[in-house]
Amino acid sequence: KEITVGITSGYSEQVMEFVAKEAEKDGLKVNLKSFGDYVTPDAALAAGEIDLNSYQHGPYLEAYNEKNGTKLISIGNTYLAPLRIYSNKYKDLKDVPDGARVSIPNDPTNEGRGLQLLEKAGVIKLKEGVGMKATPADVVENPKNLKFQELEAAQLPRSLADVDASVITMNYVMSSGLSPKDQGIFLEDKDTPLAVMIIAAREKDKDQPAYQKFVKYYQSESVKKFIAEKYKGTIVPAWE
C-alpha cells in the first residue's frame, strides 16, 4: 500500500513525481526521498531505510555492490540518459587549448565512463583494457596535456565556471539548469548500457508484489507520453 523510493534531483525526481501520482490513483502511495549524492541512496537501500531507488545505471550499482558487499539488483529500466561533455567557453572539443582543465566525476564507473567519452572524442587515449575502471592514471596519450579535476558529480555543473570543459551526468545537468543544446559539446552514444537508468531493490525483496507493481506503473504508456512531451528526446524511455 505504501513504499519509499530514493531519488536524486533532476530527471529521476521529476519523472518519479509523475509516476507517484499515477500509482496513487490505483491505491499505491509512493513517498519520495531525495538525496544529494550518488552513494547514500544505495546505502539507504541496503540498510532498509528506503524500499527502492531510481537514479543510477547498472554498472554503477554493480561497482557499489562489489565495493560494499551489498546485494542490490535492478528490477526494471527507466530512461536513457547519455553522458555529455559541457563547456561554457568552447563549442567544440577541438578548440579546447593545450593545458585545459577538465572536471570529471570521481565516483567508480562514472569516472571511467567520462574518460572513455573523452577518448571517443579523440582528445585522449587510455591504457588498453581498463574499461570502466579507468582513472586519470590510465591516460597513456594526452596530446593537449589536459589537466583532470576529479569532483563529486553534484559539483560538476558549478565547476564549469572554473574549468574549460566538464563531463556531467544527465540528472545534474537537469537540476542545475544547464542546456545540453547550448553547452553540450560531445554526446555519448545512446546505445551504451551506461545510459540506461534503472530501479534498484534489495535482492531478497525483488519479487515483492508492490515493487513489481511500481515498475509497471513506471513502464506505462502514460509515463512514456510524459517523458516524450516534457523532455523532447533529451531522455527517452528505456523499457522497450
Protein backbone atom coordinates (compact mmCIF):
# COMPACT_ATOMS: atom_id res chain seq x y z
CA LYS A 1 0.00 0.00 0.00
CA GLU A 2 2.93 2.36 0.64
CA ILE A 3 6.59 2.40 -0.46
CA THR A 4 9.51 4.84 -0.25
CA VAL A 5 11.73 5.43 -3.28
CA GLY A 6 15.11 7.16 -3.15
CA ILE A 7 15.95 9.62 -5.94
CA THR A 8 18.41 12.36 -6.85
CA SER A 9 17.43 15.77 -8.19
CA GLY A 10 16.80 16.26 -11.88
CA TYR A 11 15.14 13.86 -14.30
CA SER A 12 14.83 11.00 -11.81
CA GLU A 13 12.92 13.24 -9.39
CA GLN A 14 10.64 14.86 -11.98
CA VAL A 15 9.67 11.61 -13.68
CA MET A 16 9.20 9.91 -10.31
CA GLU A 17 6.84 12.62 -9.12
CA PHE A 18 4.64 11.85 -12.13
CA VAL A 19 4.90 8.08 -11.56
CA ALA A 20 3.91 8.56 -7.91
CA LYS A 21 0.73 10.38 -8.96
CA GLU A 22 -0.13 7.58 -11.38
CA ALA A 23 0.44 4.91 -8.72
CA GLU A 24 -1.62 6.75 -6.13
CA LYS A 25 -4.62 6.71 -8.47
CA ASP A 26 -4.54 2.93 -8.12
CA GLY A 27 -4.02 2.84 -4.35
CA LEU A 28 -0.20 2.60 -4.07
CA LYS A 29 1.24 5.54 -2.13
CA VAL A 30 4.80 6.34 -3.21
CA ASN A 31 6.90 8.50 -0.87
CA LEU A 32 9.94 10.11 -2.49
CA LYS A 33 13.18 10.69 -0.59
CA SER A 34 15.70 12.93 -2.32
CA PHE A 35 19.46 12.52 -1.92
CA GLY A 36 22.25 14.95 -2.82
CA ASP A 37 24.86 12.43 -3.99
CA TYR A 38 25.26 9.03 -5.66
CA VAL A 39 26.39 6.98 -2.64
CA THR A 40 23.77 7.46 0.07
CA PRO A 41 20.75 6.25 -1.96
CA ASP A 42 22.33 2.79 -2.27
CA ALA A 43 23.49 2.84 1.35
CA ALA A 44 19.94 3.70 2.46
CA LEU A 45 18.50 0.94 0.27
CA ALA A 46 20.92 -1.67 1.61
CA ALA A 47 20.14 -0.59 5.19
CA GLY A 48 16.39 -0.90 4.63
CA GLU A 49 15.76 2.83 5.15
CA ILE A 50 14.04 3.02 1.74
CA ASP A 51 12.33 0.34 -0.37
CA LEU A 52 13.69 1.17 -3.85
CA ASN A 53 15.83 3.76 -5.53
CA SER A 54 15.95 5.16 -9.04
CA TYR A 55 18.90 7.29 -10.16
CA GLN A 56 21.74 5.09 -11.45
CA HIS A 57 22.84 2.75 -14.23
CA GLY A 58 23.59 -0.96 -13.82
CA PRO A 59 27.42 -0.78 -13.91
CA TYR A 60 27.39 1.80 -11.10
CA LEU A 61 25.18 -0.49 -8.99
CA GLU A 62 27.49 -3.45 -9.67
CA ALA A 63 30.51 -1.40 -8.61
CA TYR A 64 28.72 -0.34 -5.42
CA ASN A 65 27.89 -3.95 -4.59
CA GLU A 66 31.46 -5.05 -5.22
CA LYS A 67 32.90 -2.32 -3.01
CA ASN A 68 30.40 -2.64 -0.16
CA GLY A 69 29.44 -6.31 -0.16
CA THR A 70 25.77 -5.48 -0.75
CA LYS A 71 23.17 -7.39 -2.77
CA LEU A 72 21.21 -4.77 -4.68
CA ILE A 73 19.76 -5.56 -8.10
CA SER A 74 17.88 -3.91 -10.93
CA ILE A 75 14.19 -4.76 -11.19
CA GLY A 76 13.44 -2.57 -14.23
CA ASN A 77 14.75 0.02 -16.67
CA THR A 78 13.58 3.63 -16.55
CA TYR A 79 15.07 6.01 -19.13
CA LEU A 80 18.12 6.55 -21.31
CA ALA A 81 20.35 9.41 -20.17
CA PRO A 82 23.51 9.75 -22.30
CA LEU A 83 26.56 11.45 -20.80
CA ARG A 84 27.80 14.70 -22.32
CA ILE A 85 30.86 16.89 -22.22
CA TYR A 86 29.93 20.52 -21.47
CA SER A 87 31.70 23.84 -21.75
CA ASN A 88 30.86 27.49 -21.17
CA LYS A 89 33.88 28.60 -23.17
CA TYR A 90 34.06 26.40 -26.27
CA LYS A 91 31.65 25.00 -28.84
CA ASP A 92 33.92 22.15 -29.96
CA LEU A 93 36.41 19.95 -28.13
CA LYS A 94 38.93 20.66 -30.88
CA ASP A 95 39.00 24.28 -29.67
CA VAL A 96 39.92 23.36 -26.09
CA PRO A 97 43.50 24.68 -25.65
CA ASP A 98 46.67 22.90 -24.54
CA GLY A 99 46.78 22.55 -20.75
CA ALA A 100 43.00 22.94 -20.43
CA ARG A 101 41.33 21.86 -17.18
CA VAL A 102 38.60 19.24 -17.46
CA SER A 103 36.44 18.19 -14.49
CA ILE A 104 35.19 14.60 -14.32
CA PRO A 105 33.09 12.56 -11.85
CA ASN A 106 35.16 10.99 -9.06
CA ASP A 107 32.83 8.03 -8.38
CA PRO A 108 33.54 4.50 -9.64
CA THR A 109 32.24 3.77 -13.17
CA ASN A 110 31.25 7.38 -13.94
CA GLU A 111 34.90 8.45 -13.82
CA GLY A 112 35.85 5.65 -16.20
CA ARG A 113 32.80 6.40 -18.30
CA GLY A 114 33.79 10.06 -18.56
CA LEU A 115 37.34 9.22 -19.56
CA GLN A 116 36.05 6.76 -22.17
CA LEU A 117 33.90 9.54 -23.59
CA LEU A 118 36.91 11.84 -23.80
CA GLU A 119 38.76 9.03 -25.57
CA LYS A 120 35.90 8.59 -28.03
CA ALA A 121 36.02 12.33 -28.65
CA GLY A 122 39.65 11.87 -29.70
CA VAL A 123 41.37 14.08 -27.11
CA ILE A 124 43.00 11.32 -25.01
CA LYS A 125 43.89 7.64 -25.26
CA LEU A 126 43.51 5.16 -22.38
CA LYS A 127 45.57 2.12 -21.46
CA GLU A 128 44.14 -0.85 -23.33
CA GLY A 129 41.66 -2.97 -21.39
CA VAL A 130 41.00 -0.63 -18.43
CA GLY A 131 37.38 -0.06 -19.49
CA MET A 132 35.07 1.31 -16.81
CA LYS A 133 37.79 1.20 -14.17
CA ALA A 134 39.83 3.89 -15.92
CA THR A 135 41.27 6.76 -13.89
CA PRO A 136 43.48 9.68 -14.99
CA ALA A 137 46.48 7.44 -14.19
CA ASP A 138 45.41 5.23 -17.14
CA VAL A 139 45.69 8.02 -19.72
CA VAL A 140 48.58 7.00 -21.98
CA GLU A 141 48.21 9.68 -24.66
CA ASN A 142 47.23 13.25 -23.84
CA PRO A 143 48.39 15.48 -26.72
CA LYS A 144 46.61 18.55 -25.32
CA ASN A 145 48.11 17.95 -21.86
CA LEU A 146 44.65 18.15 -20.30
CA LYS A 147 44.54 18.57 -16.51
CA PHE A 148 41.85 16.44 -14.85
CA GLN A 149 39.94 17.66 -11.82
CA GLU A 150 38.08 14.83 -10.04
CA LEU A 151 34.92 16.06 -8.29
CA GLU A 152 31.71 14.75 -6.73
CA ALA A 153 29.14 14.50 -9.54
CA ALA A 154 26.88 17.11 -7.91
CA GLN A 155 29.71 19.69 -8.00
CA LEU A 156 30.46 19.33 -11.71
CA PRO A 157 27.93 21.87 -13.05
CA ARG A 158 29.31 24.55 -10.69
CA SER A 159 32.84 23.71 -11.81
CA LEU A 160 32.07 24.93 -15.34
CA ALA A 161 32.85 28.48 -14.23
CA ASP A 162 36.42 27.48 -13.38
CA VAL A 163 37.31 24.79 -15.93
CA ASP A 164 37.44 24.60 -19.70
CA ALA A 165 35.15 21.57 -20.00
CA SER A 166 33.34 19.11 -17.77
CA VAL A 167 31.87 15.62 -18.10
CA ILE A 168 28.47 15.83 -16.37
CA THR A 169 25.83 13.16 -15.77
CA MET A 170 22.38 13.97 -17.09
CA ASN A 171 20.45 14.29 -13.82
CA TYR A 172 22.79 17.00 -12.53
CA VAL A 173 22.58 18.76 -15.89
CA MET A 174 18.83 18.98 -15.40
CA SER A 175 18.89 20.10 -11.76
CA SER A 176 21.49 22.81 -12.44
CA GLY A 177 19.70 24.31 -15.43
CA LEU A 178 22.42 23.56 -18.00
CA SER A 179 21.42 23.37 -21.66
CA PRO A 180 22.52 20.19 -23.48
CA LYS A 181 21.87 22.01 -26.75
CA ASP A 182 23.80 25.20 -25.98
CA GLN A 183 26.54 23.96 -23.65
CA GLY A 184 26.90 20.31 -24.64
CA ILE A 185 29.89 19.81 -26.95
CA PHE A 186 30.13 15.99 -27.21
CA LEU A 187 27.49 13.30 -26.61
CA GLU A 188 27.74 9.65 -25.59
CA ASP A 189 26.05 7.09 -27.84
CA LYS A 190 22.52 6.29 -26.72
CA ASP A 191 23.04 2.56 -27.17
CA THR A 192 25.64 2.29 -24.39
CA PRO A 193 24.41 0.30 -21.35
CA LEU A 194 25.75 3.11 -19.20
CA ALA A 195 22.99 5.36 -20.48
CA VAL A 196 20.22 3.04 -19.17
CA MET A 197 18.91 4.15 -15.77
CA ILE A 198 17.32 1.54 -13.50
CA ILE A 199 15.08 0.90 -10.48
CA ALA A 200 17.06 -0.91 -7.76
CA ALA A 201 15.87 -3.14 -4.93
CA ARG A 202 17.38 -5.46 -2.34
CA GLU A 203 17.84 -8.86 -3.96
CA LYS A 204 15.77 -10.63 -1.29
CA ASP A 205 12.83 -8.28 -1.97
CA LYS A 206 12.89 -8.37 -5.78
CA ASP A 207 9.57 -10.27 -6.03
CA GLN A 208 7.64 -8.06 -3.61
CA PRO A 209 4.24 -7.51 -5.32
CA ALA A 210 4.19 -3.77 -4.51
CA TYR A 211 7.63 -3.29 -6.05
CA GLN A 212 6.71 -5.20 -9.20
CA LYS A 213 3.51 -3.19 -9.44
CA PHE A 214 5.53 0.02 -9.10
CA VAL A 215 7.74 -0.99 -12.04
CA LYS A 216 4.61 -1.50 -14.15
CA TYR A 217 3.39 1.99 -13.25
CA TYR A 218 6.75 3.40 -14.30
CA GLN A 219 6.85 1.45 -17.56
CA SER A 220 3.37 2.58 -18.61
CA GLU A 221 2.08 4.40 -21.67
CA SER A 222 1.21 7.47 -19.58
CA VAL A 223 4.79 7.79 -18.30
CA LYS A 224 6.15 7.23 -21.81
CA LYS A 225 3.95 10.07 -23.05
CA PHE A 226 5.01 12.32 -20.15
CA ILE A 227 8.72 11.77 -20.93
CA ALA A 228 8.20 12.40 -24.65
CA GLU A 229 6.21 15.62 -24.16
CA LYS A 230 8.30 17.12 -21.37
CA TYR A 231 11.84 16.25 -22.44
CA LYS A 232 11.60 16.29 -26.26
CA GLY A 233 14.15 13.50 -26.71
CA THR A 234 16.73 14.68 -24.14
CA ILE A 235 15.88 11.49 -22.26
CA VAL A 236 13.78 8.64 -23.69
CA PRO A 237 12.10 5.53 -22.22
CA ALA A 238 14.45 2.56 -21.78
CA TRP A 239 11.95 -0.27 -21.36
CA GLU A 240 11.23 -1.03 -24.99
